[in-house]
N, C-alpha and C. Protein backbone atom coordinates (compact mmCIF):
# COMPACT_ATOMS: atom_id res chain seq x y z
N LEU A 1 -0.03 12.36 0.59
CA LEU A 1 0.83 12.11 -0.55
C LEU A 1 0.31 12.86 -1.77
N GLN A 2 -1.01 12.86 -1.91
CA GLN A 2 -1.58 13.54 -3.08
C GLN A 2 -1.29 15.03 -3.04
N SER A 3 -1.41 15.65 -1.89
CA SER A 3 -1.12 17.09 -1.82
C SER A 3 0.35 17.36 -2.10
N ALA A 4 1.23 16.46 -1.70
CA ALA A 4 2.66 16.63 -1.99
C ALA A 4 2.91 16.51 -3.49
N ARG A 5 2.25 15.57 -4.13
CA ARG A 5 2.43 15.38 -5.58
C ARG A 5 1.90 16.57 -6.38
N GLU A 6 0.95 17.29 -5.82
CA GLU A 6 0.36 18.44 -6.52
C GLU A 6 1.12 19.74 -6.27
N MET A 7 2.18 19.69 -5.49
CA MET A 7 2.96 20.91 -5.23
C MET A 7 3.61 21.39 -6.53
N SER A 8 3.84 22.67 -6.61
CA SER A 8 4.43 23.29 -7.79
C SER A 8 5.87 22.81 -8.00
N THR A 9 6.27 22.73 -9.28
CA THR A 9 7.64 22.32 -9.62
C THR A 9 8.27 23.30 -10.60
N ASN A 10 7.90 24.56 -10.50
CA ASN A 10 8.38 25.55 -11.47
C ASN A 10 9.84 25.93 -11.26
N SER A 11 10.29 25.97 -10.03
CA SER A 11 11.69 26.36 -9.77
C SER A 11 12.43 25.22 -9.08
N LEU A 12 13.73 25.33 -9.03
CA LEU A 12 14.56 24.32 -8.37
C LEU A 12 14.18 24.21 -6.89
N HIS A 13 13.97 25.35 -6.25
CA HIS A 13 13.60 25.34 -4.83
C HIS A 13 12.27 24.61 -4.62
N GLU A 14 11.29 24.85 -5.48
CA GLU A 14 9.99 24.19 -5.35
C GLU A 14 10.11 22.69 -5.58
N ARG A 15 10.91 22.28 -6.57
CA ARG A 15 11.12 20.85 -6.82
C ARG A 15 11.80 20.18 -5.64
N THR A 16 12.77 20.87 -5.04
CA THR A 16 13.48 20.33 -3.87
C THR A 16 12.53 20.17 -2.69
N GLU A 17 11.73 21.19 -2.42
CA GLU A 17 10.77 21.12 -1.32
C GLU A 17 9.75 20.01 -1.55
N ARG A 18 9.30 19.88 -2.77
CA ARG A 18 8.34 18.83 -3.11
C ARG A 18 8.95 17.45 -2.89
N ALA A 19 10.18 17.26 -3.34
CA ALA A 19 10.85 15.97 -3.17
C ALA A 19 11.06 15.66 -1.69
N ARG A 20 11.42 16.66 -0.91
CA ARG A 20 11.60 16.45 0.53
C ARG A 20 10.29 16.06 1.20
N PHE A 21 9.23 16.73 0.81
CA PHE A 21 7.92 16.46 1.40
C PHE A 21 7.44 15.06 1.04
N ILE A 22 7.60 14.68 -0.23
CA ILE A 22 7.20 13.33 -0.65
C ILE A 22 8.02 12.28 0.10
N ASN A 23 9.32 12.51 0.23
CA ASN A 23 10.18 11.58 0.97
C ASN A 23 9.72 11.45 2.42
N LYS A 24 9.38 12.57 3.04
CA LYS A 24 8.93 12.57 4.43
C LYS A 24 7.62 11.79 4.57
N VAL A 25 6.68 12.04 3.67
CA VAL A 25 5.39 11.35 3.73
C VAL A 25 5.58 9.85 3.56
N LEU A 26 6.38 9.45 2.58
CA LEU A 26 6.59 8.02 2.32
C LEU A 26 7.34 7.35 3.47
N SER A 27 8.31 8.03 4.05
CA SER A 27 9.05 7.41 5.15
C SER A 27 8.17 7.32 6.40
N ASP A 28 7.34 8.32 6.66
CA ASP A 28 6.41 8.26 7.80
C ASP A 28 5.40 7.13 7.60
N PHE A 29 4.91 6.97 6.38
CA PHE A 29 3.96 5.90 6.09
C PHE A 29 4.62 4.54 6.27
N GLY A 30 5.85 4.38 5.77
CA GLY A 30 6.58 3.13 5.94
C GLY A 30 6.79 2.78 7.41
N GLU A 31 7.14 3.78 8.19
CA GLU A 31 7.33 3.57 9.63
C GLU A 31 6.01 3.19 10.29
N GLY A 32 4.93 3.84 9.88
CA GLY A 32 3.61 3.51 10.41
C GLY A 32 3.20 2.08 10.07
N CYS A 33 3.53 1.65 8.86
CA CYS A 33 3.24 0.27 8.45
C CYS A 33 4.02 -0.73 9.29
N LEU A 34 5.29 -0.44 9.52
CA LEU A 34 6.10 -1.33 10.36
C LEU A 34 5.55 -1.42 11.77
N LEU A 35 5.16 -0.28 12.34
CA LEU A 35 4.58 -0.28 13.68
C LEU A 35 3.27 -1.06 13.72
N ALA A 36 2.45 -0.91 12.67
CA ALA A 36 1.18 -1.64 12.60
C ALA A 36 1.43 -3.15 12.54
N CYS A 37 2.35 -3.56 11.69
CA CYS A 37 2.66 -4.99 11.57
C CYS A 37 3.23 -5.55 12.86
N ARG A 38 4.07 -4.79 13.51
CA ARG A 38 4.64 -5.24 14.78
C ARG A 38 3.54 -5.38 15.84
N ALA A 39 2.63 -4.41 15.90
CA ALA A 39 1.53 -4.47 16.87
C ALA A 39 0.62 -5.66 16.59
N ILE A 40 0.39 -5.96 15.34
CA ILE A 40 -0.44 -7.11 14.97
C ILE A 40 0.26 -8.41 15.36
N ARG A 41 1.54 -8.51 15.04
CA ARG A 41 2.31 -9.72 15.36
C ARG A 41 2.34 -9.98 16.86
N GLU A 42 2.45 -8.91 17.64
CA GLU A 42 2.51 -9.06 19.10
C GLU A 42 1.14 -9.22 19.74
N GLY A 43 0.07 -9.18 18.94
CA GLY A 43 -1.27 -9.42 19.45
C GLY A 43 -1.95 -8.23 20.08
N HIS A 44 -1.47 -7.03 19.79
CA HIS A 44 -2.07 -5.82 20.37
C HIS A 44 -3.25 -5.29 19.56
N VAL A 45 -3.45 -5.84 18.36
CA VAL A 45 -4.53 -5.37 17.48
C VAL A 45 -5.44 -6.56 17.19
N ALA A 46 -6.73 -6.40 17.45
CA ALA A 46 -7.70 -7.46 17.18
C ALA A 46 -8.08 -7.45 15.70
N ALA A 47 -8.33 -8.64 15.18
CA ALA A 47 -8.77 -8.76 13.79
C ALA A 47 -10.17 -8.18 13.64
N MET A 48 -10.43 -7.60 12.48
CA MET A 48 -11.76 -7.05 12.22
C MET A 48 -12.77 -8.15 11.92
N ASN A 49 -12.27 -9.33 11.56
CA ASN A 49 -13.13 -10.47 11.24
C ASN A 49 -12.65 -11.71 12.01
N PRO A 50 -12.77 -11.71 13.35
CA PRO A 50 -12.21 -12.80 14.15
C PRO A 50 -12.87 -14.16 13.95
N ASN A 51 -14.06 -14.20 13.37
CA ASN A 51 -14.76 -15.48 13.17
C ASN A 51 -14.31 -16.22 11.93
N GLU A 52 -13.48 -15.60 11.10
CA GLU A 52 -13.00 -16.25 9.89
C GLU A 52 -11.66 -16.92 10.16
N PRO A 53 -11.19 -17.77 9.24
CA PRO A 53 -9.89 -18.43 9.44
C PRO A 53 -8.76 -17.41 9.60
N ARG A 54 -7.72 -17.81 10.31
CA ARG A 54 -6.62 -16.90 10.62
C ARG A 54 -6.01 -16.26 9.37
N GLU A 55 -5.86 -17.02 8.30
CA GLU A 55 -5.25 -16.46 7.08
C GLU A 55 -6.13 -15.43 6.39
N SER A 56 -7.41 -15.36 6.78
CA SER A 56 -8.33 -14.38 6.21
C SER A 56 -8.46 -13.12 7.06
N HIS A 57 -7.80 -13.07 8.20
CA HIS A 57 -7.94 -11.93 9.09
C HIS A 57 -7.43 -10.64 8.44
N VAL A 58 -8.14 -9.56 8.70
CA VAL A 58 -7.73 -8.23 8.27
C VAL A 58 -7.70 -7.34 9.51
N PHE A 59 -6.84 -6.33 9.48
CA PHE A 59 -6.62 -5.48 10.64
C PHE A 59 -6.63 -4.02 10.22
N LEU A 60 -6.96 -3.16 11.18
CA LEU A 60 -6.88 -1.72 10.98
C LEU A 60 -6.18 -1.14 12.20
N HIS A 61 -5.03 -0.50 11.94
CA HIS A 61 -4.25 0.09 13.03
C HIS A 61 -3.78 1.47 12.59
N ASN A 62 -4.17 2.50 13.33
CA ASN A 62 -3.82 3.89 13.00
C ASN A 62 -4.17 4.23 11.55
N ASN A 63 -5.37 3.82 11.14
CA ASN A 63 -5.89 4.07 9.79
C ASN A 63 -5.07 3.40 8.69
N ILE A 64 -4.32 2.38 9.02
CA ILE A 64 -3.59 1.59 8.03
C ILE A 64 -4.23 0.21 8.00
N PHE A 65 -4.72 -0.17 6.83
CA PHE A 65 -5.39 -1.46 6.64
C PHE A 65 -4.33 -2.50 6.33
N VAL A 66 -4.36 -3.62 7.05
CA VAL A 66 -3.36 -4.68 6.87
C VAL A 66 -4.08 -6.00 6.61
N SER A 67 -3.66 -6.70 5.57
CA SER A 67 -4.18 -8.04 5.28
C SER A 67 -3.04 -8.88 4.74
N ARG A 68 -3.25 -10.18 4.69
CA ARG A 68 -2.22 -11.08 4.17
C ARG A 68 -2.38 -11.25 2.67
N ALA A 69 -1.27 -11.46 1.99
CA ALA A 69 -1.30 -11.71 0.55
C ALA A 69 -1.40 -13.21 0.32
N VAL A 70 -2.57 -13.74 0.63
CA VAL A 70 -2.82 -15.17 0.43
C VAL A 70 -4.14 -15.34 -0.30
N ASP A 71 -4.28 -16.48 -0.94
CA ASP A 71 -5.52 -16.81 -1.64
C ASP A 71 -6.45 -17.49 -0.64
N SER A 72 -7.29 -16.69 0.00
CA SER A 72 -8.14 -17.23 1.05
C SER A 72 -9.59 -16.89 0.78
N GLY A 73 -10.45 -17.43 1.59
CA GLY A 73 -11.86 -17.14 1.46
C GLY A 73 -12.57 -18.14 0.56
N ALA A 74 -13.84 -17.90 0.34
CA ALA A 74 -14.65 -18.83 -0.44
C ALA A 74 -14.35 -18.76 -1.94
N VAL A 75 -13.86 -17.63 -2.41
CA VAL A 75 -13.67 -17.43 -3.84
C VAL A 75 -12.46 -18.20 -4.36
N GLU A 76 -11.35 -18.18 -3.62
CA GLU A 76 -10.10 -18.82 -4.03
C GLU A 76 -9.74 -18.44 -5.47
N THR A 77 -9.50 -17.17 -5.67
CA THR A 77 -9.24 -16.60 -6.98
C THR A 77 -8.09 -17.28 -7.71
N PHE A 78 -7.04 -17.63 -6.98
CA PHE A 78 -5.84 -18.18 -7.61
C PHE A 78 -5.72 -19.69 -7.47
N LYS A 79 -6.82 -20.38 -7.22
CA LYS A 79 -6.80 -21.82 -6.97
C LYS A 79 -6.16 -22.60 -8.13
N LEU A 80 -6.44 -22.20 -9.35
CA LEU A 80 -5.90 -22.93 -10.51
C LEU A 80 -4.46 -22.58 -10.83
N THR A 81 -3.94 -21.51 -10.24
CA THR A 81 -2.58 -21.08 -10.56
C THR A 81 -1.72 -20.94 -9.31
N SER A 82 -1.52 -21.99 -8.60
CA SER A 82 -0.59 -22.07 -7.47
C SER A 82 -1.09 -21.42 -6.18
N GLY A 83 -2.31 -21.01 -6.08
CA GLY A 83 -2.87 -20.52 -4.83
C GLY A 83 -2.13 -19.36 -4.21
N ASN A 84 -1.57 -19.58 -3.01
CA ASN A 84 -0.91 -18.50 -2.26
C ASN A 84 0.28 -17.91 -2.99
N LEU A 85 1.02 -18.75 -3.71
CA LEU A 85 2.17 -18.25 -4.46
C LEU A 85 1.73 -17.23 -5.52
N ALA A 86 0.65 -17.53 -6.22
CA ALA A 86 0.13 -16.61 -7.23
C ALA A 86 -0.42 -15.34 -6.59
N ALA A 87 -1.05 -15.47 -5.43
CA ALA A 87 -1.58 -14.29 -4.73
C ALA A 87 -0.44 -13.37 -4.30
N ARG A 88 0.65 -13.96 -3.80
CA ARG A 88 1.81 -13.14 -3.42
C ARG A 88 2.44 -12.48 -4.64
N LYS A 89 2.50 -13.21 -5.75
CA LYS A 89 3.06 -12.65 -6.98
C LYS A 89 2.21 -11.48 -7.47
N ALA A 90 0.90 -11.61 -7.41
CA ALA A 90 0.01 -10.52 -7.84
C ALA A 90 0.19 -9.30 -6.95
N THR A 91 0.33 -9.51 -5.66
CA THR A 91 0.56 -8.40 -4.73
C THR A 91 1.89 -7.73 -5.02
N SER A 92 2.91 -8.53 -5.29
CA SER A 92 4.23 -8.00 -5.64
C SER A 92 4.15 -7.14 -6.90
N ARG A 93 3.39 -7.59 -7.88
CA ARG A 93 3.24 -6.81 -9.13
C ARG A 93 2.50 -5.50 -8.87
N ASP A 94 1.53 -5.50 -7.97
CA ASP A 94 0.83 -4.27 -7.61
C ASP A 94 1.80 -3.26 -7.00
N VAL A 95 2.66 -3.73 -6.12
CA VAL A 95 3.65 -2.86 -5.49
C VAL A 95 4.61 -2.31 -6.53
N GLN A 96 5.05 -3.16 -7.46
CA GLN A 96 5.95 -2.71 -8.53
C GLN A 96 5.28 -1.67 -9.42
N ALA A 97 3.99 -1.87 -9.72
CA ALA A 97 3.27 -0.91 -10.56
C ALA A 97 3.15 0.44 -9.86
N ASN A 98 2.86 0.42 -8.55
CA ASN A 98 2.78 1.68 -7.80
C ASN A 98 4.12 2.39 -7.77
N ALA A 99 5.19 1.63 -7.61
CA ALA A 99 6.53 2.23 -7.60
C ALA A 99 6.84 2.87 -8.95
N MET A 100 6.46 2.21 -10.03
CA MET A 100 6.69 2.75 -11.37
C MET A 100 5.89 4.03 -11.58
N MET A 101 4.64 4.05 -11.14
CA MET A 101 3.83 5.27 -11.28
C MET A 101 4.45 6.42 -10.49
N HIS A 102 5.01 6.11 -9.33
CA HIS A 102 5.67 7.14 -8.52
C HIS A 102 6.93 7.65 -9.23
N ARG A 103 7.71 6.75 -9.81
CA ARG A 103 8.94 7.16 -10.51
C ARG A 103 8.65 7.97 -11.77
N LEU A 104 7.55 7.65 -12.44
CA LEU A 104 7.20 8.39 -13.67
C LEU A 104 6.81 9.83 -13.35
N ASP A 105 6.30 10.07 -12.16
CA ASP A 105 5.93 11.40 -11.71
C ASP A 105 5.05 12.11 -12.72
N VAL A 106 3.96 11.46 -13.06
CA VAL A 106 3.01 11.98 -14.05
C VAL A 106 2.27 13.18 -13.46
N ASP A 107 1.99 14.17 -14.29
CA ASP A 107 1.23 15.35 -13.86
C ASP A 107 -0.12 14.90 -13.33
N PRO A 108 -0.48 15.29 -12.10
CA PRO A 108 -1.74 14.83 -11.49
C PRO A 108 -2.98 15.18 -12.31
N GLU A 109 -2.93 16.24 -13.10
CA GLU A 109 -4.10 16.63 -13.88
C GLU A 109 -4.33 15.70 -15.06
N THR A 110 -3.29 15.03 -15.53
CA THR A 110 -3.43 14.15 -16.70
C THR A 110 -3.32 12.69 -16.33
N MET A 111 -3.14 12.38 -15.05
CA MET A 111 -2.93 10.99 -14.63
C MET A 111 -4.23 10.20 -14.67
N LEU A 112 -4.14 8.99 -15.14
CA LEU A 112 -5.26 8.07 -15.11
C LEU A 112 -5.23 7.37 -13.75
N TYR A 113 -6.26 7.58 -12.95
CA TYR A 113 -6.30 7.00 -11.62
C TYR A 113 -6.89 5.60 -11.68
N THR A 114 -6.19 4.66 -11.12
CA THR A 114 -6.67 3.31 -10.99
C THR A 114 -6.74 2.99 -9.51
N LEU A 115 -7.31 1.87 -9.16
CA LEU A 115 -7.44 1.52 -7.75
C LEU A 115 -6.08 1.49 -7.06
N GLY A 116 -5.05 1.03 -7.76
CA GLY A 116 -3.72 0.92 -7.18
C GLY A 116 -2.97 2.23 -7.06
N THR A 117 -3.41 3.28 -7.75
CA THR A 117 -2.67 4.54 -7.73
C THR A 117 -3.41 5.67 -7.03
N VAL A 118 -4.61 5.39 -6.51
CA VAL A 118 -5.38 6.44 -5.84
C VAL A 118 -4.80 6.68 -4.46
């Protein structure tokens, strides 16, 4: 995705090719995520941490890291603010922020990289 975002946009043809490439990368990634989730649901992928509670399990399938958006573990970050509901809301906001950064199409040389946009 990063190499697609760094493609030249000087001419209409270059912008079109860049948009096509970004669309292809994002659609392939989305399809890969769906396949990973399906494989996990069907039990074809073992958890990386099988000794922990089920809601804390994390998975790696075809280099895609999958975890649940729940407030789990010893820390319980969202315990005071609705627990799992707050964890899901925070995850939803992260996705919205990434979508906004993608729509803004900021020049990669001037972009401020955060954990959610790398």
